[in-house]
N, C-alpha and C. Protein backbone atom coordinates (compact mmCIF):
# COMPACT_ATOMS: atom_id res chain seq x y z
N MET A 1 -113.55 170.66 133.80
CA MET A 1 -114.36 169.48 133.98
C MET A 1 -114.99 169.44 135.37
N PHE A 2 -114.23 169.86 136.40
CA PHE A 2 -114.71 169.75 137.76
C PHE A 2 -115.07 171.11 138.37
N ASP A 3 -114.98 172.21 137.62
CA ASP A 3 -115.14 173.55 138.18
C ASP A 3 -116.44 173.74 138.95
N ARG A 4 -117.54 173.27 138.44
CA ARG A 4 -118.81 173.51 139.13
C ARG A 4 -118.99 172.62 140.35
N ASP A 5 -118.09 171.67 140.55
CA ASP A 5 -118.16 170.79 141.70
C ASP A 5 -117.23 171.22 142.84
N ILE A 6 -116.57 172.36 142.67
CA ILE A 6 -115.60 172.82 143.66
C ILE A 6 -116.03 174.20 144.16
N TRP A 7 -115.93 174.41 145.45
CA TRP A 7 -116.23 175.71 146.03
C TRP A 7 -115.38 175.93 147.26
N ILE A 8 -115.30 177.19 147.72
CA ILE A 8 -114.51 177.54 148.90
C ILE A 8 -115.45 177.66 150.09
N CYS A 9 -115.12 176.96 151.19
CA CYS A 9 -115.92 177.04 152.42
C CYS A 9 -115.56 178.30 153.19
N ASN A 10 -116.35 178.62 154.20
CA ASN A 10 -116.10 179.79 155.03
C ASN A 10 -114.73 179.77 155.69
N ASN A 11 -114.21 178.60 156.00
CA ASN A 11 -112.91 178.50 156.65
C ASN A 11 -111.76 178.55 155.65
N GLY A 12 -112.04 178.80 154.38
CA GLY A 12 -111.01 178.93 153.36
C GLY A 12 -110.58 177.63 152.72
N ARG A 13 -111.08 176.50 153.20
CA ARG A 13 -110.72 175.21 152.63
C ARG A 13 -111.50 174.97 151.34
N VAL A 14 -110.89 174.25 150.43
CA VAL A 14 -111.57 173.90 149.18
C VAL A 14 -112.43 172.67 149.46
N ALA A 15 -113.69 172.74 149.03
CA ALA A 15 -114.58 171.60 149.18
C ALA A 15 -114.86 171.03 147.79
N VAL A 16 -114.89 169.73 147.70
CA VAL A 16 -115.14 169.05 146.44
C VAL A 16 -116.33 168.13 146.65
N THR A 17 -117.24 168.11 145.71
CA THR A 17 -118.40 167.23 145.84
C THR A 17 -117.99 165.78 145.69
N ALA A 18 -118.82 164.92 146.20
CA ALA A 18 -118.56 163.48 146.10
C ALA A 18 -118.47 163.06 144.63
N ARG A 19 -119.32 163.63 143.79
CA ARG A 19 -119.29 163.29 142.36
C ARG A 19 -117.95 163.61 141.73
N SER A 20 -117.44 164.79 142.03
CA SER A 20 -116.16 165.20 141.49
C SER A 20 -115.03 164.30 141.99
N LEU A 21 -115.08 163.97 143.26
CA LEU A 21 -114.06 163.10 143.85
C LEU A 21 -114.09 161.71 143.21
N ILE A 22 -115.28 161.18 143.01
CA ILE A 22 -115.43 159.86 142.39
C ILE A 22 -114.90 159.88 140.95
N LEU A 23 -115.24 160.94 140.21
CA LEU A 23 -114.76 161.04 138.83
C LEU A 23 -113.25 161.13 138.77
N ARG A 24 -112.66 161.94 139.64
CA ARG A 24 -111.20 162.04 139.68
C ARG A 24 -110.57 160.70 140.02
N TYR A 25 -111.08 160.08 141.07
CA TYR A 25 -110.51 158.81 141.52
C TYR A 25 -110.62 157.76 140.41
N ALA A 26 -111.76 157.71 139.76
CA ALA A 26 -111.95 156.75 138.66
C ALA A 26 -110.99 157.05 137.51
N PHE A 27 -110.83 158.33 137.17
CA PHE A 27 -109.92 158.72 136.10
C PHE A 27 -108.48 158.31 136.44
N PHE A 28 -108.06 158.56 137.68
CA PHE A 28 -106.71 158.19 138.09
C PHE A 28 -106.55 156.67 138.12
N ALA A 29 -107.59 155.96 138.51
CA ALA A 29 -107.55 154.49 138.49
C ALA A 29 -107.37 153.99 137.06
N VAL A 30 -108.05 154.63 136.12
CA VAL A 30 -107.92 154.26 134.71
C VAL A 30 -106.49 154.53 134.24
N LEU A 31 -105.94 155.69 134.60
CA LEU A 31 -104.56 156.00 134.21
C LEU A 31 -103.58 154.98 134.77
N ALA A 32 -103.74 154.65 136.05
CA ALA A 32 -102.85 153.68 136.68
C ALA A 32 -103.02 152.29 136.06
N THR A 33 -104.25 151.94 135.70
CA THR A 33 -104.51 150.65 135.06
C THR A 33 -103.84 150.60 133.69
N ILE A 34 -103.95 151.67 132.93
CA ILE A 34 -103.31 151.73 131.62
C ILE A 34 -101.80 151.63 131.77
N ALA A 35 -101.24 152.35 132.72
CA ALA A 35 -99.79 152.28 132.96
C ALA A 35 -99.39 150.86 133.36
N ASN A 36 -100.19 150.23 134.21
CA ASN A 36 -99.92 148.87 134.67
C ASN A 36 -99.93 147.90 133.48
N LEU A 37 -101.00 147.93 132.71
CA LEU A 37 -101.13 146.99 131.60
C LEU A 37 -100.11 147.26 130.49
N ALA A 38 -99.80 148.53 130.24
CA ALA A 38 -98.79 148.86 129.24
C ALA A 38 -97.42 148.33 129.67
N THR A 39 -97.13 148.45 130.95
CA THR A 39 -95.87 147.91 131.47
C THR A 39 -95.85 146.39 131.34
N GLN A 40 -96.98 145.76 131.64
CA GLN A 40 -97.05 144.30 131.48
C GLN A 40 -96.81 143.89 130.04
N ARG A 41 -97.44 144.60 129.12
CA ARG A 41 -97.25 144.26 127.70
C ARG A 41 -95.80 144.43 127.29
N LEU A 42 -95.17 145.49 127.79
CA LEU A 42 -93.76 145.73 127.47
C LEU A 42 -92.89 144.57 127.96
N VAL A 43 -93.10 144.14 129.19
CA VAL A 43 -92.33 143.02 129.73
C VAL A 43 -92.62 141.74 128.95
N LEU A 44 -93.89 141.48 128.66
CA LEU A 44 -94.26 140.26 127.93
C LEU A 44 -93.79 140.27 126.48
N TRP A 45 -93.45 141.44 125.97
CA TRP A 45 -92.90 141.55 124.62
C TRP A 45 -91.56 140.82 124.53
N PHE A 46 -90.83 140.75 125.68
CA PHE A 46 -89.52 140.12 125.70
C PHE A 46 -89.58 138.60 125.81
N GLY A 47 -90.75 138.05 126.15
CA GLY A 47 -90.83 136.60 126.23
C GLY A 47 -92.13 136.13 126.85
N GLU A 48 -92.33 134.82 126.83
CA GLU A 48 -93.53 134.20 127.37
C GLU A 48 -93.15 133.23 128.49
N GLY A 49 -94.16 132.70 129.13
CA GLY A 49 -93.92 131.70 130.17
C GLY A 49 -94.12 132.28 131.56
N GLY A 50 -94.03 131.40 132.53
CA GLY A 50 -94.31 131.77 133.91
C GLY A 50 -93.43 132.86 134.47
N MET A 51 -92.12 132.81 134.16
CA MET A 51 -91.21 133.83 134.67
C MET A 51 -91.56 135.21 134.12
N PHE A 52 -91.81 135.29 132.83
CA PHE A 52 -92.15 136.58 132.23
C PHE A 52 -93.51 137.08 132.72
N PHE A 53 -94.44 136.14 132.91
CA PHE A 53 -95.76 136.53 133.43
C PHE A 53 -95.62 137.14 134.82
N ALA A 54 -94.89 136.48 135.71
CA ALA A 54 -94.70 136.98 137.07
C ALA A 54 -93.98 138.32 137.06
N LEU A 55 -92.95 138.45 136.23
CA LEU A 55 -92.21 139.71 136.12
C LEU A 55 -93.12 140.82 135.58
N ALA A 56 -93.95 140.49 134.60
CA ALA A 56 -94.86 141.48 134.02
C ALA A 56 -95.88 141.97 135.05
N VAL A 57 -96.48 141.04 135.78
CA VAL A 57 -97.48 141.41 136.78
C VAL A 57 -96.84 142.25 137.89
N GLY A 58 -95.68 141.84 138.37
CA GLY A 58 -95.00 142.58 139.44
C GLY A 58 -94.56 143.97 139.01
N THR A 59 -93.95 144.07 137.85
CA THR A 59 -93.48 145.36 137.35
C THR A 59 -94.65 146.29 137.06
N GLY A 60 -95.68 145.77 136.44
CA GLY A 60 -96.87 146.58 136.15
C GLY A 60 -97.50 147.10 137.43
N THR A 61 -97.54 146.25 138.44
CA THR A 61 -98.11 146.66 139.72
C THR A 61 -97.31 147.80 140.34
N LEU A 62 -95.99 147.72 140.31
CA LEU A 62 -95.15 148.78 140.87
C LEU A 62 -95.35 150.10 140.14
N VAL A 63 -95.41 150.05 138.83
CA VAL A 63 -95.60 151.27 138.05
C VAL A 63 -96.97 151.90 138.36
N GLY A 64 -98.02 151.07 138.37
CA GLY A 64 -99.36 151.56 138.69
C GLY A 64 -99.45 152.12 140.10
N LEU A 65 -98.81 151.45 141.05
CA LEU A 65 -98.83 151.89 142.44
C LEU A 65 -98.17 153.26 142.61
N ALA A 66 -97.00 153.43 142.03
CA ALA A 66 -96.28 154.70 142.17
C ALA A 66 -97.08 155.85 141.53
N LEU A 67 -97.60 155.62 140.34
CA LEU A 67 -98.39 156.66 139.68
C LEU A 67 -99.63 157.01 140.49
N LYS A 68 -100.34 156.00 140.95
CA LYS A 68 -101.57 156.23 141.71
C LYS A 68 -101.29 156.95 143.03
N TYR A 69 -100.19 156.63 143.69
CA TYR A 69 -99.84 157.31 144.94
C TYR A 69 -99.66 158.81 144.71
N VAL A 70 -98.89 159.16 143.69
CA VAL A 70 -98.63 160.57 143.40
C VAL A 70 -99.94 161.31 143.10
N LEU A 71 -100.79 160.72 142.28
CA LEU A 71 -102.06 161.36 141.93
C LEU A 71 -103.01 161.43 143.12
N ASP A 72 -103.15 160.35 143.87
CA ASP A 72 -104.05 160.34 145.03
C ASP A 72 -103.60 161.33 146.10
N LYS A 73 -102.33 161.33 146.38
CA LYS A 73 -101.79 162.20 147.43
C LYS A 73 -102.15 163.65 147.16
N ARG A 74 -101.95 164.07 145.94
CA ARG A 74 -102.17 165.49 145.59
C ARG A 74 -103.64 165.81 145.27
N TRP A 75 -104.27 165.01 144.45
CA TRP A 75 -105.55 165.39 143.87
C TRP A 75 -106.77 164.75 144.52
N ILE A 76 -106.60 163.68 145.28
CA ILE A 76 -107.74 163.05 145.95
C ILE A 76 -107.76 163.44 147.42
N PHE A 77 -106.61 163.27 148.08
CA PHE A 77 -106.56 163.51 149.51
C PHE A 77 -105.94 164.85 149.88
N GLU A 78 -105.47 165.61 148.88
CA GLU A 78 -104.85 166.92 149.07
C GLU A 78 -103.88 166.93 150.23
N ASP A 79 -103.03 165.92 150.26
CA ASP A 79 -102.04 165.79 151.31
C ASP A 79 -100.86 166.70 150.99
N ALA A 80 -100.59 167.66 151.87
CA ALA A 80 -99.54 168.64 151.64
C ALA A 80 -98.24 168.28 152.34
N SER A 81 -98.16 167.12 152.96
CA SER A 81 -96.93 166.75 153.66
C SER A 81 -95.78 166.66 152.68
N THR A 82 -94.59 167.03 153.16
CA THR A 82 -93.40 167.01 152.30
C THR A 82 -92.26 166.35 153.06
N GLY A 83 -91.20 166.10 152.36
CA GLY A 83 -90.02 165.53 152.97
C GLY A 83 -89.98 164.03 152.83
N ALA A 84 -88.76 163.50 152.89
CA ALA A 84 -88.56 162.06 152.71
C ALA A 84 -89.24 161.26 153.81
N ARG A 85 -89.19 161.74 155.04
CA ARG A 85 -89.79 161.00 156.15
C ARG A 85 -91.31 160.90 155.98
N ALA A 86 -91.94 162.03 155.67
CA ALA A 86 -93.40 162.04 155.49
C ALA A 86 -93.80 161.17 154.30
N HIS A 87 -93.09 161.33 153.18
CA HIS A 87 -93.40 160.52 152.00
C HIS A 87 -93.15 159.04 152.27
N GLY A 88 -92.06 158.74 152.94
CA GLY A 88 -91.75 157.35 153.25
C GLY A 88 -92.83 156.70 154.08
N LYS A 89 -93.29 157.41 155.11
CA LYS A 89 -94.34 156.87 155.98
C LYS A 89 -95.64 156.69 155.20
N LYS A 90 -96.05 157.73 154.49
CA LYS A 90 -97.32 157.66 153.73
C LYS A 90 -97.25 156.58 152.66
N PHE A 91 -96.13 156.55 151.91
CA PHE A 91 -96.04 155.56 150.84
C PHE A 91 -96.00 154.15 151.41
N SER A 92 -95.34 153.97 152.55
CA SER A 92 -95.33 152.64 153.19
C SER A 92 -96.73 152.22 153.59
N LEU A 93 -97.49 153.12 154.21
CA LEU A 93 -98.87 152.81 154.58
C LEU A 93 -99.72 152.57 153.33
N TYR A 94 -99.53 153.41 152.33
CA TYR A 94 -100.27 153.29 151.07
C TYR A 94 -100.01 151.92 150.45
N THR A 95 -98.74 151.51 150.46
CA THR A 95 -98.37 150.21 149.91
C THR A 95 -98.97 149.07 150.74
N ALA A 96 -98.92 149.21 152.07
CA ALA A 96 -99.49 148.19 152.94
C ALA A 96 -100.99 148.01 152.69
N MET A 97 -101.70 149.12 152.50
CA MET A 97 -103.13 149.04 152.21
C MET A 97 -103.36 148.37 150.86
N GLY A 98 -102.36 148.50 150.00
CA GLY A 98 -102.47 147.91 148.67
C GLY A 98 -102.21 146.41 148.62
N ILE A 99 -101.68 145.85 149.70
CA ILE A 99 -101.39 144.40 149.69
C ILE A 99 -102.67 143.59 149.50
N VAL A 100 -103.69 143.92 150.27
CA VAL A 100 -104.97 143.20 150.15
C VAL A 100 -105.57 143.43 148.78
N THR A 101 -105.56 144.68 148.33
CA THR A 101 -106.18 144.98 147.04
C THR A 101 -105.36 144.39 145.89
N THR A 102 -104.05 144.30 146.06
CA THR A 102 -103.22 143.67 145.04
C THR A 102 -103.53 142.18 144.95
N ALA A 103 -103.79 141.57 146.08
CA ALA A 103 -104.16 140.14 146.07
C ALA A 103 -105.45 139.94 145.27
N ILE A 104 -106.41 140.86 145.43
CA ILE A 104 -107.65 140.79 144.66
C ILE A 104 -107.34 140.89 143.17
N PHE A 105 -106.50 141.86 142.81
CA PHE A 105 -106.14 142.11 141.42
C PHE A 105 -105.36 140.93 140.84
N TRP A 106 -104.30 140.51 141.50
CA TRP A 106 -103.49 139.40 140.99
C TRP A 106 -104.30 138.12 140.90
N GLY A 107 -105.10 137.87 141.91
CA GLY A 107 -105.92 136.65 141.92
C GLY A 107 -106.88 136.61 140.75
N THR A 108 -107.56 137.71 140.52
CA THR A 108 -108.53 137.77 139.42
C THR A 108 -107.82 137.64 138.08
N GLU A 109 -106.73 138.38 137.90
CA GLU A 109 -105.99 138.32 136.63
C GLU A 109 -105.45 136.90 136.38
N THR A 110 -104.90 136.29 137.41
CA THR A 110 -104.32 134.95 137.26
C THR A 110 -105.39 133.91 136.95
N VAL A 111 -106.53 133.98 137.62
CA VAL A 111 -107.62 133.05 137.34
C VAL A 111 -108.07 133.18 135.89
N PHE A 112 -108.22 134.41 135.41
CA PHE A 112 -108.63 134.61 134.02
C PHE A 112 -107.58 134.05 133.06
N TRP A 113 -106.29 134.22 133.40
CA TRP A 113 -105.23 133.69 132.55
C TRP A 113 -105.25 132.16 132.55
N LEU A 114 -105.39 131.57 133.73
CA LEU A 114 -105.38 130.11 133.83
C LEU A 114 -106.57 129.47 133.14
N VAL A 115 -107.72 130.11 133.21
CA VAL A 115 -108.93 129.56 132.60
C VAL A 115 -108.90 129.71 131.09
N TRP A 116 -108.61 130.92 130.59
CA TRP A 116 -108.72 131.17 129.15
C TRP A 116 -107.39 131.22 128.42
N GLN A 117 -106.31 131.50 129.09
CA GLN A 117 -104.96 131.58 128.53
C GLN A 117 -104.86 132.44 127.27
N THR A 118 -105.50 133.59 127.33
CA THR A 118 -105.35 134.59 126.27
C THR A 118 -105.04 135.93 126.92
N ASP A 119 -104.31 136.76 126.19
CA ASP A 119 -103.98 138.08 126.73
C ASP A 119 -105.22 138.93 126.95
N ALA A 120 -106.19 138.81 126.06
CA ALA A 120 -107.42 139.61 126.21
C ALA A 120 -108.15 139.25 127.50
N MET A 121 -108.27 137.97 127.79
CA MET A 121 -108.97 137.57 129.01
C MET A 121 -108.13 137.88 130.25
N ARG A 122 -106.81 137.77 130.15
CA ARG A 122 -105.93 138.14 131.26
C ARG A 122 -106.13 139.61 131.59
N GLU A 123 -106.17 140.45 130.56
CA GLU A 123 -106.36 141.88 130.77
C GLU A 123 -107.76 142.18 131.30
N LEU A 124 -108.77 141.45 130.84
CA LEU A 124 -110.12 141.64 131.39
C LEU A 124 -110.13 141.29 132.88
N GLY A 125 -109.48 140.19 133.24
CA GLY A 125 -109.36 139.82 134.65
C GLY A 125 -108.64 140.89 135.45
N ALA A 126 -107.60 141.46 134.85
CA ALA A 126 -106.86 142.54 135.52
C ALA A 126 -107.76 143.76 135.74
N ILE A 127 -108.53 144.12 134.74
CA ILE A 127 -109.42 145.28 134.85
C ILE A 127 -110.48 145.05 135.92
N ILE A 128 -111.07 143.87 135.94
CA ILE A 128 -112.08 143.56 136.95
C ILE A 128 -111.45 143.57 138.34
N GLY A 129 -110.30 142.91 138.49
CA GLY A 129 -109.63 142.86 139.78
C GLY A 129 -109.19 144.24 140.25
N LEU A 130 -108.66 145.05 139.34
CA LEU A 130 -108.24 146.40 139.71
C LEU A 130 -109.43 147.27 140.10
N SER A 131 -110.54 147.11 139.41
CA SER A 131 -111.74 147.90 139.72
C SER A 131 -112.23 147.61 141.14
N ILE A 132 -112.33 146.34 141.47
CA ILE A 132 -112.76 145.96 142.82
C ILE A 132 -111.72 146.46 143.83
N GLY A 133 -110.47 146.24 143.52
CA GLY A 133 -109.39 146.63 144.42
C GLY A 133 -109.35 148.12 144.69
N TYR A 134 -109.59 148.94 143.68
CA TYR A 134 -109.53 150.39 143.87
C TYR A 134 -110.65 150.90 144.78
N VAL A 135 -111.81 150.31 144.72
CA VAL A 135 -112.89 150.70 145.63
C VAL A 135 -112.50 150.39 147.07
N VAL A 136 -111.97 149.20 147.28
CA VAL A 136 -111.52 148.82 148.62
C VAL A 136 -110.36 149.72 149.06
N LYS A 137 -109.43 149.98 148.16
CA LYS A 137 -108.24 150.77 148.48
C LYS A 137 -108.58 152.20 148.87
N TYR A 138 -109.50 152.83 148.17
CA TYR A 138 -109.89 154.19 148.52
C TYR A 138 -110.33 154.25 149.98
N ASN A 139 -111.18 153.33 150.37
CA ASN A 139 -111.69 153.33 151.75
C ASN A 139 -110.58 153.08 152.77
N LEU A 140 -109.67 152.18 152.48
CA LEU A 140 -108.55 151.93 153.38
C LEU A 140 -107.63 153.15 153.46
N ASP A 141 -107.32 153.75 152.30
CA ASP A 141 -106.44 154.92 152.29
C ASP A 141 -107.05 156.10 153.04
N ARG A 142 -108.32 156.32 152.84
CA ARG A 142 -108.99 157.43 153.53
C ARG A 142 -108.94 157.24 155.04
N ARG A 143 -109.10 156.01 155.46
CA ARG A 143 -109.15 155.75 156.90
C ARG A 143 -107.78 155.65 157.56
N PHE A 144 -106.80 155.03 156.88
CA PHE A 144 -105.53 154.74 157.54
C PHE A 144 -104.31 155.51 157.03
N VAL A 145 -104.33 155.97 155.79
CA VAL A 145 -103.14 156.61 155.22
C VAL A 145 -103.26 158.13 155.23
N PHE A 146 -104.33 158.64 154.67
CA PHE A 146 -104.51 160.08 154.54
C PHE A 146 -105.60 160.56 155.51
N ASP A 147 -105.55 160.08 156.73
CA ASP A 147 -106.60 160.37 157.71
C ASP A 147 -106.53 161.78 158.27
N ASP A 148 -105.46 162.50 158.01
CA ASP A 148 -105.31 163.84 158.55
C ASP A 148 -105.47 164.93 157.48
N THR A 149 -106.11 164.62 156.38
CA THR A 149 -106.20 165.56 155.27
C THR A 149 -107.62 166.11 155.15
N ARG A 150 -107.90 166.72 154.04
CA ARG A 150 -109.13 167.48 153.83
C ARG A 150 -110.41 166.65 153.94
N LEU A 151 -110.32 165.35 153.91
CA LEU A 151 -111.51 164.54 153.98
C LEU A 151 -112.07 164.44 155.41
N ALA A 152 -111.30 164.97 156.36
CA ALA A 152 -111.83 165.05 157.72
C ALA A 152 -112.97 166.05 157.71
N PRO A 153 -113.97 165.89 158.57
CA PRO A 153 -115.10 166.80 158.56
C PRO A 153 -114.67 168.25 158.76
N ALA A 154 -115.21 169.12 157.93
CA ALA A 154 -114.90 170.55 158.03
C ALA A 154 -115.60 171.16 159.24
N SER A 155 -114.93 172.12 159.86
CA SER A 155 -115.55 172.77 161.01
C SER A 155 -116.40 173.94 160.60
């Protein structure tokens, strides 16, 4: 899918076109969104009401966050750091950058739920909020979390 968008630079580093990077990031965002919403549906299967809604949103967010971190680290930012200390630091920063974007996501999803009170509209709000949030998150992650990886200008 991405073969024609990837080439090797003179310094031996792999270069990826902006189009390929955007497609990958969007695909991973879709995967994380599906994981998030599937987790929410699973939690909501056990019951309704405010407590189940909050548990569903929180659990779905954690599942989506963990999946997206693993995919972004390897396939978007090509971060090769290893070890518990490196992962702990990166994941902590990644999570911190996600606080603002999670507020966008939760706020949009909650407003849609409060206004229409249907699962379909709640999920539409989640998709809209996650879409906006992922654009903001990519820029924050590139600047503050994975700032020492391949996205730095090549020499």
